[in-house]
Amino acid sequence: MQAKTLSLPRLNELNPTLESTALKLMEEAGELAQVIGKYRGLSGETIYWDEETIFREIARELLDVAQTAVTMMFVMEEQFGIDIEASLKEHWSKLERKGYLSTRSE
């Protein structure tokens, strides 16, 4: 399996805390769910976006979720001493154990 790397920046104009970042993560996940709900017609609204527009909006919201999750990892590293590299290795190992990855690409 070929790994694709997604690199997101460490935001330097914020002073996030564990709590503020967790709340932001939930907010962003809610916005993602809202866009998907609109696409699927779950909100009762009639939408007039074409598929390209809706998928672009889903991608934007998903990147907001990812950025906030990455920011939370930086908070964990800076404020609580979590080793991100070690955590990533553990995560990859877990994915391999569960059968989600057949080999590790490093």
PDB file of N, CA and C in Angstrom:
ATOM      1  N   MET A   1       0.837  -1.178   0.000  1.00  0.00           N
ATOM      2  CA  MET A   1       0.000   0.000   0.000  1.00  0.00           C
ATOM      3  C   MET A   1       0.880   1.238   0.000  1.00  0.00           C
ATOM      4  N   GLN A   2       0.561   2.162  -0.871  1.00  0.00           N
ATOM      5  CA  GLN A   2       1.313   3.405  -0.939  1.00  0.00           C
ATOM      6  C   GLN A   2       0.678   4.428  -0.009  1.00  0.00           C
ATOM      7  N   ALA A   3       1.496   5.017   0.833  1.00  0.00           N
ATOM      8  CA  ALA A   3       1.001   6.035   1.759  1.00  0.00           C
ATOM      9  C   ALA A   3       0.971   7.383   1.059  1.00  0.00           C
ATOM     10  N   LYS A   4      -0.039   8.146   1.348  1.00  0.00           N
ATOM     11  CA  LYS A   4      -0.126   9.518   0.867  1.00  0.00           C
ATOM     12  C   LYS A   4       0.022  10.413   2.085  1.00  0.00           C
ATOM     13  N   THR A   5       0.872  11.386   1.986  1.00  0.00           N
ATOM     14  CA  THR A   5       1.133  12.268   3.115  1.00  0.00           C
ATOM     15  C   THR A   5       0.315  13.538   2.969  1.00  0.00           C
ATOM     16  N   LEU A   6      -0.345  13.886   4.043  1.00  0.00           N
ATOM     17  CA  LEU A   6      -1.087  15.140   4.118  1.00  0.00           C
ATOM     18  C   LEU A   6      -0.416  15.973   5.186  1.00  0.00           C
ATOM     19  N   SER A   7       0.094  17.108   4.818  1.00  0.00           N
ATOM     20  CA  SER A   7       0.825  17.950   5.758  1.00  0.00           C
ATOM     21  C   SER A   7      -0.002  19.193   6.053  1.00  0.00           C
ATOM     22  N   LEU A   8      -0.250  19.429   7.324  1.00  0.00           N
ATOM     23  CA  LEU A   8      -0.991  20.606   7.750  1.00  0.00           C
ATOM     24  C   LEU A   8      -0.114  21.429   8.682  1.00  0.00           C
ATOM     25  N   PRO A   9      -0.215  22.749   8.610  1.00  0.00           N
ATOM     26  CA  PRO A   9       0.699  23.602   9.377  1.00  0.00           C
ATOM     27  C   PRO A   9       0.358  23.683  10.852  1.00  0.00           C
ATOM     28  N   ARG A  10       1.376  23.975  11.616  1.00  0.00           N
ATOM     29  CA  ARG A  10       1.182  24.342  13.023  1.00  0.00           C
ATOM     30  C   ARG A  10       0.747  25.806  12.997  1.00  0.00           C
ATOM     31  N   LEU A  11      -0.421  26.081  13.514  1.00  0.00           N
ATOM     32  CA  LEU A  11      -0.936  27.444  13.486  1.00  0.00           C
ATOM     33  C   LEU A  11      -0.202  28.280  14.521  1.00  0.00           C
ATOM     34  N   ASN A  12       0.258  29.456  14.115  1.00  0.00           N
ATOM     35  CA  ASN A  12       1.073  30.253  15.021  1.00  0.00           C
ATOM     36  C   ASN A  12       0.392  31.540  15.468  1.00  0.00           C
ATOM     37  N   GLU A  13      -0.853  31.733  15.091  1.00  0.00           N
ATOM     38  CA  GLU A  13      -1.564  32.939  15.488  1.00  0.00           C
ATOM     39  C   GLU A  13      -2.629  32.654  16.547  1.00  0.00           C
ATOM     40  N   LEU A  14      -2.567  31.466  17.132  1.00  0.00           N
ATOM     41  CA  LEU A  14      -3.544  31.056  18.133  1.00  0.00           C
ATOM     42  C   LEU A  14      -2.833  30.613  19.403  1.00  0.00           C
ATOM     43  N   ASN A  15      -3.557  30.624  20.495  1.00  0.00           N
ATOM     44  CA  ASN A  15      -3.069  30.071  21.755  1.00  0.00           C
ATOM     45  C   ASN A  15      -4.088  29.044  22.232  1.00  0.00           C
ATOM     46  N   PRO A  16      -4.186  27.918  21.530  1.00  0.00           N
ATOM     47  CA  PRO A  16      -5.238  26.954  21.854  1.00  0.00           C
ATOM     48  C   PRO A  16      -4.961  26.209  23.155  1.00  0.00           C
ATOM     49  N   THR A  17      -6.036  25.858  23.818  1.00  0.00           N
ATOM     50  CA  THR A  17      -5.954  24.992  24.989  1.00  0.00           C
ATOM     51  C   THR A  17      -6.566  23.655  24.601  1.00  0.00           C
ATOM     52  N   LEU A  18      -6.403  22.689  25.454  1.00  0.00           N
ATOM     53  CA  LEU A  18      -7.005  21.383  25.213  1.00  0.00           C
ATOM     54  C   LEU A  18      -8.520  21.528  25.052  1.00  0.00           C
ATOM     55  N   GLU A  19      -9.125  22.286  25.958  1.00  0.00           N
ATOM     56  CA  GLU A  19     -10.583  22.442  25.939  1.00  0.00           C
ATOM     57  C   GLU A  19     -11.064  23.228  24.720  1.00  0.00           C
ATOM     58  N   SER A  20     -10.404  24.338  24.402  1.00  0.00           N
ATOM     59  CA  SER A  20     -10.849  25.138  23.257  1.00  0.00           C
ATOM     60  C   SER A  20     -10.689  24.369  21.955  1.00  0.00           C
ATOM     61  N   THR A  21      -9.632  23.575  21.864  1.00  0.00           N
ATOM     62  CA  THR A  21      -9.407  22.800  20.650  1.00  0.00           C
ATOM     63  C   THR A  21     -10.408  21.665  20.537  1.00  0.00           C
ATOM     64  N   ALA A  22     -10.733  21.018  21.646  1.00  0.00           N
ATOM     65  CA  ALA A  22     -11.741  19.956  21.621  1.00  0.00           C
ATOM     66  C   ALA A  22     -13.093  20.518  21.185  1.00  0.00           C
ATOM     67  N   LEU A  23     -13.462  21.677  21.707  1.00  0.00           N
ATOM     68  CA  LEU A  23     -14.728  22.307  21.316  1.00  0.00           C
ATOM     69  C   LEU A  23     -14.718  22.691  19.842  1.00  0.00           C
ATOM     70  N   LYS A  24     -13.586  23.208  19.361  1.00  0.00           N
ATOM     71  CA  LYS A  24     -13.464  23.574  17.941  1.00  0.00           C
ATOM     72  C   LYS A  24     -13.562  22.335  17.066  1.00  0.00           C
ATOM     73  N   LEU A  25     -12.966  21.234  17.505  1.00  0.00           N
ATOM     74  CA  LEU A  25     -13.035  19.984  16.749  1.00  0.00           C
ATOM     75  C   LEU A  25     -14.487  19.519  16.614  1.00  0.00           C
ATOM     76  N   MET A  26     -15.242  19.600  17.701  1.00  0.00           N
ATOM     77  CA  MET A  26     -16.656  19.212  17.650  1.00  0.00           C
ATOM     78  C   MET A  26     -17.455  20.149  16.748  1.00  0.00           C
ATOM     79  N   GLU A  27     -17.146  21.437  16.795  1.00  0.00           N
ATOM     80  CA  GLU A  27     -17.820  22.406  15.928  1.00  0.00           C
ATOM     81  C   GLU A  27     -17.563  22.081  14.457  1.00  0.00           C
ATOM     82  N   GLU A  28     -16.299  21.842  14.128  1.00  0.00           N
ATOM     83  CA  GLU A  28     -15.947  21.548  12.738  1.00  0.00           C
ATOM     84  C   GLU A  28     -16.562  20.229  12.268  1.00  0.00           C
ATOM     85  N   ALA A  29     -16.574  19.231  13.136  1.00  0.00           N
ATOM     86  CA  ALA A  29     -17.207  17.947  12.782  1.00  0.00           C
ATOM     87  C   ALA A  29     -18.702  18.152  12.546  1.00  0.00           C
ATOM     88  N   GLY A  30     -19.321  19.026  13.339  1.00  0.00           N
ATOM     89  CA  GLY A  30     -20.730  19.337  13.143  1.00  0.00           C
ATOM     90  C   GLY A  30     -20.980  20.021  11.811  1.00  0.00           C
ATOM     91  N   GLU A  31     -20.093  20.920  11.409  1.00  0.00           N
ATOM     92  CA  GLU A  31     -20.227  21.585  10.113  1.00  0.00           C
ATOM     93  C   GLU A  31     -20.066  20.588   8.972  1.00  0.00           C
ATOM     94  N   LEU A  32     -19.152  19.644   9.126  1.00  0.00           N
ATOM     95  CA  LEU A  32     -18.993  18.585   8.122  1.00  0.00           C
ATOM     96  C   LEU A  32     -20.273  17.763   8.018  1.00  0.00           C
ATOM     97  N   ALA A  33     -20.816  17.371   9.151  1.00  0.00           N
ATOM     98  CA  ALA A  33     -22.053  16.588   9.159  1.00  0.00           C
ATOM     99  C   ALA A  33     -23.200  17.379   8.533  1.00  0.00           C
ATOM    100  N   GLN A  34     -23.235  18.673   8.784  1.00  0.00           N
ATOM    101  CA  GLN A  34     -24.298  19.508   8.222  1.00  0.00           C
ATOM    102  C   GLN A  34     -24.233  19.537   6.697  1.00  0.00           C
ATOM    103  N   VAL A  35     -23.045  19.694   6.141  1.00  0.00           N
ATOM    104  CA  VAL A  35     -22.898  19.720   4.681  1.00  0.00           C
ATOM    105  C   VAL A  35     -23.289  18.364   4.087  1.00  0.00           C
ATOM    106  N   ILE A  36     -22.843  17.282   4.716  1.00  0.00           N
ATOM    107  CA  ILE A  36     -23.208  15.950   4.221  1.00  0.00           C
ATOM    108  C   ILE A  36     -24.715  15.750   4.333  1.00  0.00           C
ATOM    109  N   GLY A  37     -25.309  16.214   5.431  1.00  0.00           N
ATOM    110  CA  GLY A  37     -26.757  16.113   5.598  1.00  0.00           C
ATOM    111  C   GLY A  37     -27.504  16.863   4.517  1.00  0.00           C
ATOM    112  N   LYS A  38     -27.009  18.033   4.150  1.00  0.00           N
ATOM    113  CA  LYS A  38     -27.633  18.789   3.061  1.00  0.00           C
ATOM    114  C   LYS A  38     -27.518  18.027   1.745  1.00  0.00           C
ATOM    115  N   TYR A  39     -26.350  17.445   1.504  1.00  0.00           N
ATOM    116  CA  TYR A  39     -26.135  16.681   0.275  1.00  0.00           C
ATOM    117  C   TYR A  39     -27.104  15.501   0.191  1.00  0.00           C
ATOM    118  N   ARG A  40     -27.322  14.846   1.316  1.00  0.00           N
ATOM    119  CA  ARG A  40     -28.205  13.678   1.347  1.00  0.00           C
ATOM    120  C   ARG A  40     -29.679  14.038   1.571  1.00  0.00           C
ATOM    121  N   GLY A  41     -29.956  15.329   1.761  1.00  0.00           N
ATOM    122  CA  GLY A  41     -31.331  15.750   1.959  1.00  0.00           C
ATOM    123  C   GLY A  41     -31.873  15.423   3.342  1.00  0.00           C
ATOM    124  N   LEU A  42     -30.989  15.256   4.314  1.00  0.00           N
ATOM    125  CA  LEU A  42     -31.411  14.873   5.660  1.00  0.00           C
ATOM    126  C   LEU A  42     -31.900  16.041   6.498  1.00  0.00           C
ATOM    127  N   SER A  43     -31.628  17.252   6.038  1.00  0.00           N
ATOM    128  CA  SER A  43     -31.994  18.429   6.824  1.00  0.00           C
ATOM    129  C   SER A  43     -33.377  18.954   6.472  1.00  0.00           C
ATOM    130  N   GLY A  44     -33.994  18.366   5.463  1.00  0.00           N
ATOM    131  CA  GLY A  44     -35.296  18.844   5.019  1.00  0.00           C
ATOM    132  C   GLY A  44     -35.182  20.018   4.063  1.00  0.00           C
ATOM    133  N   GLU A  45     -33.975  20.505   3.854  1.00  0.00           N
ATOM    134  CA  GLU A  45     -33.758  21.614   2.930  1.00  0.00           C
ATOM    135  C   GLU A  45     -33.622  21.093   1.505  1.00  0.00           C
ATOM    136  N   THR A  46     -34.030  21.906   0.586  1.00  0.00           N
ATOM    137  CA  THR A  46     -33.756  21.617  -0.811  1.00  0.00           C
ATOM    138  C   THR A  46     -32.494  22.383  -1.168  1.00  0.00           C
ATOM    139  N   ILE A  47     -31.492  21.671  -1.637  1.00  0.00           N
ATOM    140  CA  ILE A  47     -30.248  22.346  -2.006  1.00  0.00           C
ATOM    141  C   ILE A  47     -30.170  22.436  -3.520  1.00  0.00           C
ATOM    142  N   TYR A  48     -29.470  23.437  -3.957  1.00  0.00           N
ATOM    143  CA  TYR A  48     -29.355  23.683  -5.393  1.00  0.00           C
ATOM    144  C   TYR A  48     -27.905  23.659  -5.851  1.00  0.00           C
ATOM    145  N   TRP A  49     -27.061  22.944  -5.106  1.00  0.00           N
ATOM    146  CA  TRP A  49     -25.656  22.834  -5.478  1.00  0.00           C
ATOM    147  C   TRP A  49     -25.462  21.632  -6.378  1.00  0.00           C
ATOM    148  N   ASP A  50     -24.581  21.776  -7.361  1.00  0.00           N
ATOM    149  CA  ASP A  50     -24.222  20.622  -8.179  1.00  0.00           C
ATOM    150  C   ASP A  50     -23.249  19.753  -7.389  1.00  0.00           C
ATOM    151  N   GLU A  51     -23.010  18.527  -7.864  1.00  0.00           N
ATOM    152  CA  GLU A  51     -22.148  17.600  -7.121  1.00  0.00           C
ATOM    153  C   GLU A  51     -20.739  18.130  -6.925  1.00  0.00           C
ATOM    154  N   GLU A  52     -20.197  18.803  -7.930  1.00  0.00           N
ATOM    155  CA  GLU A  52     -18.839  19.342  -7.781  1.00  0.00           C
ATOM    156  C   GLU A  52     -18.774  20.330  -6.618  1.00  0.00           C
ATOM    157  N   THR A  53     -19.764  21.178  -6.507  1.00  0.00           N
ATOM    158  CA  THR A  53     -19.806  22.165  -5.430  1.00  0.00           C
ATOM    159  C   THR A  53     -19.960  21.485  -4.079  1.00  0.00           C
ATOM    160  N   ILE A  54     -20.859  20.539  -3.979  1.00  0.00           N
ATOM    161  CA  ILE A  54     -21.092  19.880  -2.687  1.00  0.00           C
ATOM    162  C   ILE A  54     -19.861  19.108  -2.234  1.00  0.00           C
ATOM    163  N   PHE A  55     -19.188  18.414  -3.166  1.00  0.00           N
ATOM    164  CA  PHE A  55     -17.998  17.663  -2.783  1.00  0.00           C
ATOM    165  C   PHE A  55     -16.851  18.599  -2.419  1.00  0.00           C
ATOM    166  N   ARG A  56     -16.776  19.758  -3.082  1.00  0.00           N
ATOM    167  CA  ARG A  56     -15.759  20.751  -2.717  1.00  0.00           C
ATOM    168  C   ARG A  56     -16.028  21.275  -1.299  1.00  0.00           C
ATOM    169  N   GLU A  57     -17.295  21.511  -0.967  1.00  0.00           N
ATOM    170  CA  GLU A  57     -17.658  21.961   0.382  1.00  0.00           C
ATOM    171  C   GLU A  57     -17.360  20.883   1.426  1.00  0.00           C
ATOM    172  N   ILE A  58     -17.654  19.630   1.091  1.00  0.00           N
ATOM    173  CA  ILE A  58     -17.339  18.526   2.015  1.00  0.00           C
ATOM    174  C   ILE A  58     -15.830  18.471   2.252  1.00  0.00           C
ATOM    175  N   ALA A  59     -15.040  18.591   1.180  1.00  0.00           N
ATOM    176  CA  ALA A  59     -13.580  18.566   1.317  1.00  0.00           C
ATOM    177  C   ALA A  59     -13.090  19.721   2.186  1.00  0.00           C
ATOM    178  N   ARG A  60     -13.666  20.907   2.008  1.00  0.00           N
ATOM    179  CA  ARG A  60     -13.265  22.066   2.824  1.00  0.00           C
ATOM    180  C   ARG A  60     -13.546  21.822   4.301  1.00  0.00           C
ATOM    181  N   GLU A  61     -14.740  21.326   4.589  1.00  0.00           N
ATOM    182  CA  GLU A  61     -15.084  21.065   5.989  1.00  0.00           C
ATOM    183  C   GLU A  61     -14.226  19.946   6.572  1.00  0.00           C
ATOM    184  N   LEU A  62     -13.942  18.932   5.767  1.00  0.00           N
ATOM    185  CA  LEU A  62     -13.102  17.835   6.230  1.00  0.00           C
ATOM    186  C   LEU A  62     -11.688  18.322   6.539  1.00  0.00           C
ATOM    187  N   LEU A  63     -11.163  19.232   5.729  1.00  0.00           N
ATOM    188  CA  LEU A  63      -9.848  19.803   6.018  1.00  0.00           C
ATOM    189  C   LEU A  63      -9.873  20.647   7.291  1.00  0.00           C
ATOM    190  N   ASP A  64     -10.985  21.338   7.553  1.00  0.00           N
ATOM    191  CA  ASP A  64     -11.105  22.068   8.820  1.00  0.00           C
ATOM    192  C   ASP A  64     -11.048  21.100  10.004  1.00  0.00           C
ATOM    193  N   VAL A  65     -11.715  19.950   9.876  1.00  0.00           N
ATOM    194  CA  VAL A  65     -11.674  18.933  10.933  1.00  0.00           C
ATOM    195  C   VAL A  65     -10.237  18.438  11.108  1.00  0.00           C
ATOM    196  N   ALA A  66      -9.583  18.119   9.992  1.00  0.00           N
ATOM    197  CA  ALA A  66      -8.213  17.597  10.047  1.00  0.00           C
ATOM    198  C   ALA A  66      -7.263  18.623  10.661  1.00  0.00           C
ATOM    199  N   GLN A  67      -7.377  19.899  10.246  1.00  0.00           N
ATOM    200  CA  GLN A  67      -6.500  20.939  10.789  1.00  0.00           C
ATOM    201  C   GLN A  67      -6.687  21.069  12.291  1.00  0.00           C
ATOM    202  N   THR A  68      -7.926  21.025  12.736  1.00  0.00           N
ATOM    203  CA  THR A  68      -8.192  21.160  14.164  1.00  0.00           C
ATOM    204  C   THR A  68      -7.658  19.960  14.929  1.00  0.00           C
ATOM    205  N   ALA A  69      -7.783  18.758  14.352  1.00  0.00           N
ATOM    206  CA  ALA A  69      -7.239  17.561  15.006  1.00  0.00           C
ATOM    207  C   ALA A  69      -5.713  17.652  15.098  1.00  0.00           C
ATOM    208  N   VAL A  70      -5.074  18.125  14.033  1.00  0.00           N
ATOM    209  CA  VAL A  70      -3.621  18.289  14.051  1.00  0.00           C
ATOM    210  C   VAL A  70      -3.229  19.341  15.088  1.00  0.00           C
ATOM    211  N   THR A  71      -3.974  20.422  15.152  1.00  0.00           N
ATOM    212  CA  THR A  71      -3.712  21.451  16.158  1.00  0.00           C
ATOM    213  C   THR A  71      -3.816  20.856  17.558  1.00  0.00           C
ATOM    214  N   MET A  72      -4.795  19.984  17.773  1.00  0.00           N
ATOM    215  CA  MET A  72      -4.950  19.357  19.084  1.00  0.00           C
ATOM    216  C   MET A  72      -3.746  18.462  19.405  1.00  0.00           C
ATOM    217  N   MET A  73      -3.185  17.785  18.398  1.00  0.00           N
ATOM    218  CA  MET A  73      -1.973  16.988  18.631  1.00  0.00           C
ATOM    219  C   MET A  73      -0.814  17.896  19.050  1.00  0.00           C
ATOM    220  N   PHE A  74      -0.697  19.072  18.423  1.00  0.00           N
ATOM    221  CA  PHE A  74       0.356  20.016  18.817  1.00  0.00           C
ATOM    222  C   PHE A  74       0.141  20.504  20.242  1.00  0.00           C
ATOM    223  N   VAL A  75      -1.111  20.739  20.625  1.00  0.00           N
ATOM    224  CA  VAL A  75      -1.415  21.130  22.005  1.00  0.00           C
ATOM    225  C   VAL A  75      -0.981  20.015  22.954  1.00  0.00           C
ATOM    226  N   MET A  76      -1.297  18.774  22.590  1.00  0.00           N
ATOM    227  CA  MET A  76      -0.915  17.630  23.428  1.00  0.00           C
ATOM    228  C   MET A  76       0.607  17.553  23.565  1.00  0.00           C
ATOM    229  N   GLU A  77       1.310  17.821  22.477  1.00  0.00           N
ATOM    230  CA  GLU A  77       2.769  17.785  22.501  1.00  0.00           C
ATOM    231  C   GLU A  77       3.340  18.908  23.365  1.00  0.00           C
ATOM    232  N   GLU A  78       2.879  20.123  23.118  1.00  0.00           N
ATOM    233  CA  GLU A  78       3.444  21.285  23.793  1.00  0.00           C
ATOM    234  C   GLU A  78       3.046  21.385  25.262  1.00  0.00           C
ATOM    235  N   GLN A  79       1.788  21.093  25.564  1.00  0.00           N
ATOM    236  CA  GLN A  79       1.305  21.319  26.918  1.00  0.00           C
ATOM    237  C   GLN A  79       1.368  20.080  27.806  1.00  0.00           C
ATOM    238  N   PHE A  80       1.409  18.896  27.194  1.00  0.00           N
ATOM    239  CA  PHE A  80       1.344  17.672  27.993  1.00  0.00           C
ATOM    240  C   PHE A  80       2.468  16.681  27.696  1.00  0.00           C
ATOM    241  N   GLY A  81       3.421  17.084  26.836  1.00  0.00           N
ATOM    242  CA  GLY A  81       4.598  16.275  26.591  1.00  0.00           C
ATOM    243  C   GLY A  81       4.377  15.007  25.776  1.00  0.00           C
ATOM    244  N   ILE A  82       3.292  14.935  25.034  1.00  0.00           N
ATOM    245  CA  ILE A  82       3.026  13.756  24.193  1.00  0.00           C
ATOM    246  C   ILE A  82       4.009  13.745  23.024  1.00  0.00           C
ATOM    247  N   ASP A  83       4.623  12.622  22.766  1.00  0.00           N
ATOM    248  CA  ASP A  83       5.552  12.448  21.651  1.00  0.00           C
ATOM    249  C   ASP A  83       4.735  12.089  20.403  1.00  0.00           C
ATOM    250  N   ILE A  84       4.582  13.055  19.501  1.00  0.00           N
ATOM    251  CA  ILE A  84       3.757  12.840  18.306  1.00  0.00           C
ATOM    252  C   ILE A  84       4.315  11.714  17.446  1.00  0.00           C
ATOM    253  N   GLU A  85       5.619  11.664  17.270  1.00  0.00           N
ATOM    254  CA  GLU A  85       6.222  10.616  16.434  1.00  0.00           C
ATOM    255  C   GLU A  85       5.933   9.229  17.008  1.00  0.00           C
ATOM    256  N   ALA A  86       6.094   9.074  18.301  1.00  0.00           N
ATOM    257  CA  ALA A  86       5.808   7.785  18.941  1.00  0.00           C
ATOM    258  C   ALA A  86       4.320   7.455  18.809  1.00  0.00           C
ATOM    259  N   SER A  87       3.477   8.454  18.972  1.00  0.00           N
ATOM    260  CA  SER A  87       2.035   8.239  18.840  1.00  0.00           C
ATOM    261  C   SER A  87       1.671   7.808  17.419  1.00  0.00           C
ATOM    262  N   LEU A  88       2.320   8.421  16.429  1.00  0.00           N
ATOM    263  CA  LEU A  88       2.065   8.034  15.037  1.00  0.00           C
ATOM    264  C   LEU A  88       2.485   6.586  14.771  1.00  0.00           C
ATOM    265  N   LYS A  89       3.635   6.193  15.306  1.00  0.00           N
ATOM    266  CA  LYS A  89       4.089   4.804  15.127  1.00  0.00           C
ATOM    267  C   LYS A  89       3.103   3.828  15.766  1.00  0.00           C
ATOM    268  N   GLU A  90       2.625   4.164  16.971  1.00  0.00           N
ATOM    269  CA  GLU A  90       1.627   3.318  17.627  1.00  0.00           C
ATOM    270  C   GLU A  90       0.346   3.247  16.799  1.00  0.00           C
ATOM    271  N   HIS A  91      -0.042   4.363  16.220  1.00  0.00           N
ATOM    272  CA  HIS A  91      -1.258   4.416  15.410  1.00  0.00           C
ATOM    273  C   HIS A  91      -1.124   3.518  14.177  1.00  0.00           C
ATOM    274  N   TRP A  92       0.017   3.619  13.486  1.00  0.00           N
ATOM    275  CA  TRP A  92       0.254   2.775  12.312  1.00  0.00           C
ATOM    276  C   TRP A  92       0.220   1.301  12.707  1.00  0.00           C
ATOM    277  N   SER A  93       0.852   0.971  13.825  1.00  0.00           N
ATOM    278  CA  SER A  93       0.856  -0.419  14.295  1.00  0.00           C
ATOM    279  C   SER A  93      -0.563  -0.904  14.570  1.00  0.00           C
ATOM    280  N   LYS A  94      -1.373  -0.057  15.178  1.00  0.00           N
ATOM    281  CA  LYS A  94      -2.766  -0.414  15.448  1.00  0.00           C
ATOM    282  C   LYS A  94      -3.513  -0.672  14.139  1.00  0.00           C
ATOM    283  N   LEU A  95      -3.285   0.188  13.138  1.00  0.00           N
ATOM    284  CA  LEU A  95      -3.948   0.008  11.842  1.00  0.00           C
ATOM    285  C   LEU A  95      -3.525  -1.309  11.193  1.00  0.00           C
ATOM    286  N   GLU A  96      -2.247  -1.657  11.329  1.00  0.00           N
ATOM    287  CA  GLU A  96      -1.758  -2.931  10.789  1.00  0.00           C
ATOM    288  C   GLU A  96      -2.391  -4.108  11.524  1.00  0.00           C
ATOM    289  N   ARG A  97      -2.434  -4.046  12.857  1.00  0.00           N
ATOM    290  CA  ARG A  97      -3.041  -5.127  13.658  1.00  0.00           C
ATOM    291  C   ARG A  97      -4.500  -5.355  13.291  1.00  0.00           C
ATOM    292  N   LYS A  98      -5.203  -4.272  13.027  1.00  0.00           N
ATOM    293  CA  LYS A  98      -6.628  -4.373  12.705  1.00  0.00           C
ATOM    294  C   LYS A  98      -6.871  -4.755  11.251  1.00  0.00           C
ATOM    295  N   GLY A  99      -5.797  -4.853  10.471  1.00  0.00           N
ATOM    296  CA  GLY A  99      -5.922  -5.266   9.083  1.00  0.00           C
ATOM    297  C   GLY A  99      -6.248  -4.138   8.121  1.00  0.00           C
ATOM    298  N   TYR A 100      -6.142  -2.885   8.577  1.00  0.00           N
ATOM    299  CA  TYR A 100      -6.409  -1.758   7.697  1.00  0.00           C
ATOM    300  C   TYR A 100      -5.228  -1.441   6.782  1.00  0.00           C
ATOM    301  N   LEU A 101      -4.034  -1.885   7.186  1.00  0.00           N
ATOM    302  CA  LEU A 101      -2.812  -1.711   6.391  1.00  0.00           C
ATOM    303  C   LEU A 101      -2.138  -3.062   6.264  1.00  0.00           C
ATOM    304  N   SER A 102      -1.660  -3.372   5.067  1.00  0.00           N
ATOM    305  CA  SER A 102      -0.976  -4.650   4.906  1.00  0.00           C
ATOM    306  C   SER A 102       0.517  -4.536   5.156  1.00  0.00           C
ATOM    307  N   THR A 103       1.116  -3.395   4.836  1.00  0.00           N
ATOM    308  CA  THR A 103       2.536  -3.181   5.109  1.00  0.00           C
ATOM    309  C   THR A 103       2.735  -1.727   5.480  1.00  0.00           C
ATOM    310  N   ARG A 104       3.809  -1.486   6.185  1.00  0.00           N
ATOM    311  CA  ARG A 104       4.139  -0.120   6.585  1.00  0.00           C
ATOM    312  C   ARG A 104       5.072   0.496   5.553  1.00  0.00           C
ATOM    313  N   SER A 105       4.740   1.696   5.078  1.00  0.00           N
ATOM    314  CA  SER A 105       5.594   2.443   4.164  1.00  0.00           C
ATOM    315  C   SER A 105       6.242   3.571   4.937  1.00  0.00           C
ATOM    316  N   GLU A 106       7.546   3.487   5.130  1.00  0.00           N
ATOM    317  CA  GLU A 106       8.235   4.549   5.889  1.00  0.00           C
ATOM    318  C   GLU A 106       9.314   5.146   5.049  1.00  0.00           C
TER     319      GLU A 106
END
